[in-house]
Amino acid sequence: MLINLARSPDYGPTPSPSVPKQVRVMVEVFKTNVRSRRHAKALLTRIHAAYQECRANFDLEDRDRILRIECANEFIHPASLIQLVRDAGFEAEVLPDEPVVR
């Protein structure tokens, strides 16, 4: 079950084909203990209020109850997002990047 509130960051105007626009996108993935859709939606509302240039979603079907946040041209310190989640009564921790094995 992927929970995503319809909110997209403004990546700015579409660049003309002759002038490519460089956009830096930060993606961070967290393991959480959020179990219900209601709590996930409430947390997404808080996240989008605090980080207006970002979009976030939960995957509650994943065993790690994943929170994924993507920000264009904005860096979020993981500790500040973890604190936001804790202030709402939940836990979160950064999931380390795992290399893709082919």
N, C-alpha and C. Protein backbone atom coordinates (compact mmCIF):
# COMPACT_ATOMS: atom_id res chain seq x y z
N MET A 1 0.85 -1.16 0.00
CA MET A 1 0.00 0.00 0.00
C MET A 1 0.90 1.23 0.00
N LEU A 2 0.90 1.96 -1.09
CA LEU A 2 1.68 3.17 -1.21
C LEU A 2 0.77 4.34 -0.90
N ILE A 3 1.15 5.16 0.05
CA ILE A 3 0.34 6.31 0.44
C ILE A 3 1.08 7.57 0.05
N ASN A 4 0.43 8.35 -0.78
CA ASN A 4 1.05 9.56 -1.30
C ASN A 4 -0.02 10.63 -1.40
N LEU A 5 0.17 11.71 -0.71
CA LEU A 5 -0.73 12.84 -0.88
C LEU A 5 -0.34 13.57 -2.14
N ALA A 6 -1.29 13.94 -2.93
CA ALA A 6 -0.99 14.59 -4.22
C ALA A 6 -0.36 15.94 -3.98
N ARG A 7 0.95 15.95 -3.96
CA ARG A 7 1.69 17.20 -3.80
C ARG A 7 3.00 17.03 -4.54
N SER A 8 3.23 17.88 -5.49
CA SER A 8 4.46 17.82 -6.26
C SER A 8 5.25 19.10 -6.05
N PRO A 9 6.55 18.96 -5.89
CA PRO A 9 7.34 20.19 -5.77
C PRO A 9 7.36 20.93 -7.09
N ASP A 10 7.54 22.21 -7.01
CA ASP A 10 7.63 23.02 -8.21
C ASP A 10 9.06 22.97 -8.70
N TYR A 11 9.28 22.25 -9.78
CA TYR A 11 10.61 22.15 -10.34
C TYR A 11 10.92 23.35 -11.25
N GLY A 12 10.01 24.30 -11.26
CA GLY A 12 10.22 25.51 -12.07
C GLY A 12 9.66 25.33 -13.46
N PRO A 13 9.78 26.38 -14.27
CA PRO A 13 9.24 26.31 -15.63
C PRO A 13 10.00 25.28 -16.45
N THR A 14 9.31 24.71 -17.41
CA THR A 14 9.94 23.73 -18.28
C THR A 14 10.98 24.43 -19.14
N PRO A 15 12.22 23.96 -19.10
CA PRO A 15 13.26 24.61 -19.89
C PRO A 15 13.05 24.36 -21.38
N SER A 16 13.54 25.29 -22.17
CA SER A 16 13.46 25.10 -23.61
C SER A 16 14.39 23.95 -23.98
N PRO A 17 14.11 23.24 -25.08
CA PRO A 17 14.93 22.09 -25.44
C PRO A 17 16.40 22.42 -25.65
N SER A 18 16.71 23.65 -26.04
CA SER A 18 18.09 24.00 -26.32
C SER A 18 18.89 24.34 -25.07
N VAL A 19 18.20 24.62 -23.95
CA VAL A 19 18.87 24.99 -22.71
C VAL A 19 18.45 24.01 -21.62
N PRO A 20 19.26 22.97 -21.37
CA PRO A 20 18.86 22.01 -20.34
C PRO A 20 18.94 22.64 -18.94
N LYS A 21 17.97 22.33 -18.13
CA LYS A 21 17.94 22.84 -16.77
C LYS A 21 18.50 21.75 -15.85
N GLN A 22 19.39 22.15 -14.98
CA GLN A 22 19.98 21.21 -14.06
C GLN A 22 19.23 21.29 -12.74
N VAL A 23 18.67 20.18 -12.33
CA VAL A 23 17.92 20.11 -11.09
C VAL A 23 18.60 19.09 -10.19
N ARG A 24 18.91 19.50 -8.99
CA ARG A 24 19.47 18.57 -8.02
C ARG A 24 18.32 17.99 -7.20
N VAL A 25 18.26 16.69 -7.15
CA VAL A 25 17.21 16.02 -6.43
C VAL A 25 17.84 15.17 -5.32
N MET A 26 17.37 15.39 -4.10
CA MET A 26 17.82 14.60 -2.97
C MET A 26 16.72 13.60 -2.64
N VAL A 27 17.10 12.35 -2.50
CA VAL A 27 16.15 11.31 -2.12
C VAL A 27 16.69 10.63 -0.87
N GLU A 28 15.83 10.50 0.12
CA GLU A 28 16.22 9.81 1.35
C GLU A 28 15.12 8.82 1.69
N VAL A 29 15.52 7.66 2.19
CA VAL A 29 14.58 6.60 2.52
C VAL A 29 14.75 6.25 4.00
N PHE A 30 13.61 6.13 4.69
CA PHE A 30 13.61 5.87 6.13
C PHE A 30 12.79 4.63 6.45
N LYS A 31 13.26 3.89 7.43
CA LYS A 31 12.49 2.80 8.02
C LYS A 31 11.67 3.42 9.15
N THR A 32 10.39 3.10 9.24
CA THR A 32 9.53 3.68 10.27
C THR A 32 8.73 2.59 10.99
N ASN A 33 8.02 3.00 12.01
CA ASN A 33 7.09 2.10 12.67
C ASN A 33 5.64 2.53 12.46
N VAL A 34 5.39 3.31 11.42
CA VAL A 34 4.04 3.76 11.08
C VAL A 34 3.29 2.58 10.47
N ARG A 35 2.10 2.27 10.99
CA ARG A 35 1.37 1.09 10.52
C ARG A 35 0.04 1.42 9.84
N SER A 36 -0.56 2.54 10.15
CA SER A 36 -1.89 2.80 9.60
C SER A 36 -1.86 3.91 8.55
N ARG A 37 -2.81 3.80 7.62
CA ARG A 37 -2.96 4.84 6.58
C ARG A 37 -3.24 6.20 7.22
N ARG A 38 -4.05 6.20 8.24
CA ARG A 38 -4.43 7.46 8.90
C ARG A 38 -3.20 8.16 9.46
N HIS A 39 -2.33 7.41 10.12
CA HIS A 39 -1.12 8.02 10.68
C HIS A 39 -0.16 8.44 9.56
N ALA A 40 -0.06 7.63 8.52
CA ALA A 40 0.81 7.98 7.40
C ALA A 40 0.35 9.28 6.74
N LYS A 41 -0.95 9.42 6.52
CA LYS A 41 -1.47 10.65 5.91
C LYS A 41 -1.22 11.87 6.79
N ALA A 42 -1.40 11.70 8.09
CA ALA A 42 -1.15 12.82 9.02
C ALA A 42 0.32 13.22 8.99
N LEU A 43 1.21 12.24 8.96
CA LEU A 43 2.63 12.55 8.89
C LEU A 43 3.00 13.21 7.56
N LEU A 44 2.41 12.74 6.47
CA LEU A 44 2.69 13.36 5.17
C LEU A 44 2.25 14.82 5.16
N THR A 45 1.14 15.11 5.79
CA THR A 45 0.68 16.50 5.88
C THR A 45 1.71 17.35 6.63
N ARG A 46 2.22 16.83 7.73
CA ARG A 46 3.26 17.56 8.49
C ARG A 46 4.54 17.74 7.68
N ILE A 47 4.95 16.67 7.00
CA ILE A 47 6.18 16.72 6.20
C ILE A 47 6.05 17.76 5.08
N HIS A 48 4.92 17.73 4.38
CA HIS A 48 4.73 18.68 3.29
C HIS A 48 4.61 20.12 3.79
N ALA A 49 4.11 20.32 4.99
CA ALA A 49 4.05 21.67 5.57
C ALA A 49 5.45 22.16 5.93
N ALA A 50 6.27 21.25 6.45
CA ALA A 50 7.62 21.64 6.87
C ALA A 50 8.59 21.76 5.70
N TYR A 51 8.40 20.93 4.70
CA TYR A 51 9.31 20.88 3.55
C TYR A 51 8.49 21.04 2.28
N GLN A 52 8.19 22.28 1.95
CA GLN A 52 7.26 22.56 0.86
C GLN A 52 7.79 22.24 -0.52
N GLU A 53 9.09 22.14 -0.66
CA GLU A 53 9.68 21.81 -1.96
C GLU A 53 9.89 20.31 -2.14
N CYS A 54 9.30 19.53 -1.27
CA CYS A 54 9.53 18.09 -1.29
C CYS A 54 8.23 17.33 -1.49
N ARG A 55 8.40 16.09 -1.91
CA ARG A 55 7.25 15.19 -1.92
C ARG A 55 7.66 13.92 -1.19
N ALA A 56 6.70 13.33 -0.54
CA ALA A 56 6.99 12.17 0.29
C ALA A 56 5.87 11.16 0.15
N ASN A 57 6.20 9.90 0.43
CA ASN A 57 5.19 8.85 0.44
C ASN A 57 5.63 7.74 1.37
N PHE A 58 4.65 6.94 1.77
CA PHE A 58 4.88 5.77 2.60
C PHE A 58 4.58 4.52 1.80
N ASP A 59 5.33 3.47 2.05
CA ASP A 59 5.01 2.14 1.57
C ASP A 59 4.80 1.28 2.81
N LEU A 60 3.54 1.16 3.22
CA LEU A 60 3.23 0.44 4.44
C LEU A 60 3.21 -1.07 4.25
N GLU A 61 3.26 -1.53 3.02
CA GLU A 61 3.31 -2.97 2.76
C GLU A 61 4.73 -3.52 2.90
N ASP A 62 5.71 -2.65 2.77
CA ASP A 62 7.10 -3.07 2.96
C ASP A 62 7.31 -3.41 4.42
N ARG A 63 8.11 -4.40 4.71
CA ARG A 63 8.33 -4.81 6.10
C ARG A 63 8.95 -3.69 6.94
N ASP A 64 9.65 -2.74 6.28
CA ASP A 64 10.27 -1.63 6.99
C ASP A 64 9.39 -0.39 7.06
N ARG A 65 8.15 -0.48 6.57
CA ARG A 65 7.21 0.67 6.61
C ARG A 65 7.92 1.93 6.09
N ILE A 66 8.31 1.88 4.85
CA ILE A 66 9.19 2.87 4.22
C ILE A 66 8.55 4.25 4.10
N LEU A 67 9.31 5.26 4.47
CA LEU A 67 9.01 6.66 4.18
C LEU A 67 10.07 7.12 3.20
N ARG A 68 9.64 7.59 2.05
CA ARG A 68 10.57 8.08 1.02
C ARG A 68 10.29 9.55 0.81
N ILE A 69 11.33 10.35 0.83
CA ILE A 69 11.18 11.79 0.62
C ILE A 69 12.13 12.23 -0.49
N GLU A 70 11.60 13.03 -1.39
CA GLU A 70 12.35 13.52 -2.55
C GLU A 70 12.23 15.03 -2.60
N CYS A 71 13.37 15.70 -2.67
CA CYS A 71 13.39 17.16 -2.67
C CYS A 71 14.20 17.67 -3.86
N ALA A 72 13.64 18.64 -4.54
CA ALA A 72 14.33 19.29 -5.64
C ALA A 72 14.98 20.57 -5.13
N ASN A 73 16.27 20.66 -5.32
CA ASN A 73 17.02 21.87 -4.96
C ASN A 73 16.92 22.23 -3.49
N GLU A 74 16.69 21.25 -2.64
CA GLU A 74 16.63 21.50 -1.20
C GLU A 74 17.25 20.30 -0.50
N PHE A 75 18.10 20.55 0.46
CA PHE A 75 18.69 19.46 1.23
C PHE A 75 18.00 19.39 2.57
N ILE A 76 17.62 18.20 2.97
CA ILE A 76 17.03 18.00 4.28
C ILE A 76 18.00 17.18 5.11
N HIS A 77 18.29 17.65 6.28
CA HIS A 77 19.11 16.87 7.19
C HIS A 77 18.23 15.74 7.71
N PRO A 78 18.66 14.50 7.55
CA PRO A 78 17.84 13.38 8.02
C PRO A 78 17.45 13.51 9.49
N ALA A 79 18.33 14.06 10.31
CA ALA A 79 18.01 14.20 11.74
C ALA A 79 16.79 15.08 11.96
N SER A 80 16.61 16.11 11.14
CA SER A 80 15.44 16.99 11.33
C SER A 80 14.15 16.27 10.93
N LEU A 81 14.20 15.45 9.90
CA LEU A 81 13.02 14.69 9.51
C LEU A 81 12.71 13.61 10.56
N ILE A 82 13.74 12.97 11.07
CA ILE A 82 13.55 11.97 12.12
C ILE A 82 12.90 12.61 13.34
N GLN A 83 13.34 13.82 13.69
CA GLN A 83 12.75 14.52 14.83
C GLN A 83 11.28 14.87 14.58
N LEU A 84 10.96 15.26 13.35
CA LEU A 84 9.57 15.56 13.01
C LEU A 84 8.71 14.31 13.21
N VAL A 85 9.21 13.16 12.78
CA VAL A 85 8.48 11.90 12.93
C VAL A 85 8.35 11.55 14.42
N ARG A 86 9.41 11.73 15.17
CA ARG A 86 9.37 11.44 16.61
C ARG A 86 8.40 12.36 17.34
N ASP A 87 8.37 13.63 16.94
CA ASP A 87 7.43 14.57 17.56
C ASP A 87 5.98 14.14 17.35
N ALA A 88 5.74 13.37 16.30
CA ALA A 88 4.39 12.86 16.02
C ALA A 88 4.14 11.53 16.72
N GLY A 89 5.14 11.03 17.46
CA GLY A 89 4.95 9.81 18.24
C GLY A 89 5.41 8.53 17.56
N PHE A 90 6.22 8.66 16.51
CA PHE A 90 6.68 7.49 15.77
C PHE A 90 8.20 7.48 15.72
N GLU A 91 8.75 6.40 15.21
CA GLU A 91 10.20 6.27 15.06
C GLU A 91 10.55 6.20 13.58
N ALA A 92 11.75 6.67 13.27
CA ALA A 92 12.27 6.60 11.91
C ALA A 92 13.78 6.51 11.97
N GLU A 93 14.35 5.80 11.02
CA GLU A 93 15.81 5.75 10.89
C GLU A 93 16.15 5.67 9.41
N VAL A 94 17.28 6.25 9.07
CA VAL A 94 17.71 6.26 7.68
C VAL A 94 18.07 4.84 7.27
N LEU A 95 17.56 4.44 6.10
CA LEU A 95 17.98 3.16 5.54
C LEU A 95 19.23 3.40 4.71
N PRO A 96 20.28 2.65 4.97
CA PRO A 96 21.52 2.87 4.20
C PRO A 96 21.33 2.45 2.75
N ASP A 97 22.09 3.12 1.88
CA ASP A 97 22.08 2.74 0.46
C ASP A 97 22.67 1.36 0.34
N GLU A 98 22.04 0.55 -0.46
CA GLU A 98 22.56 -0.78 -0.73
C GLU A 98 22.97 -0.85 -2.18
N PRO A 99 24.15 -1.38 -2.46
CA PRO A 99 24.56 -1.49 -3.85
C PRO A 99 23.68 -2.48 -4.61
N VAL A 100 23.46 -2.17 -5.86
CA VAL A 100 22.67 -3.06 -6.73
C VAL A 100 23.59 -4.16 -7.21
N VAL A 101 23.17 -5.40 -6.98
CA VAL A 101 23.95 -6.55 -7.41
C VAL A 101 23.28 -7.12 -8.65
N ARG A 102 24.08 -7.27 -9.69
CA ARG A 102 23.53 -7.80 -10.95
C ARG A 102 24.14 -9.10 -11.30
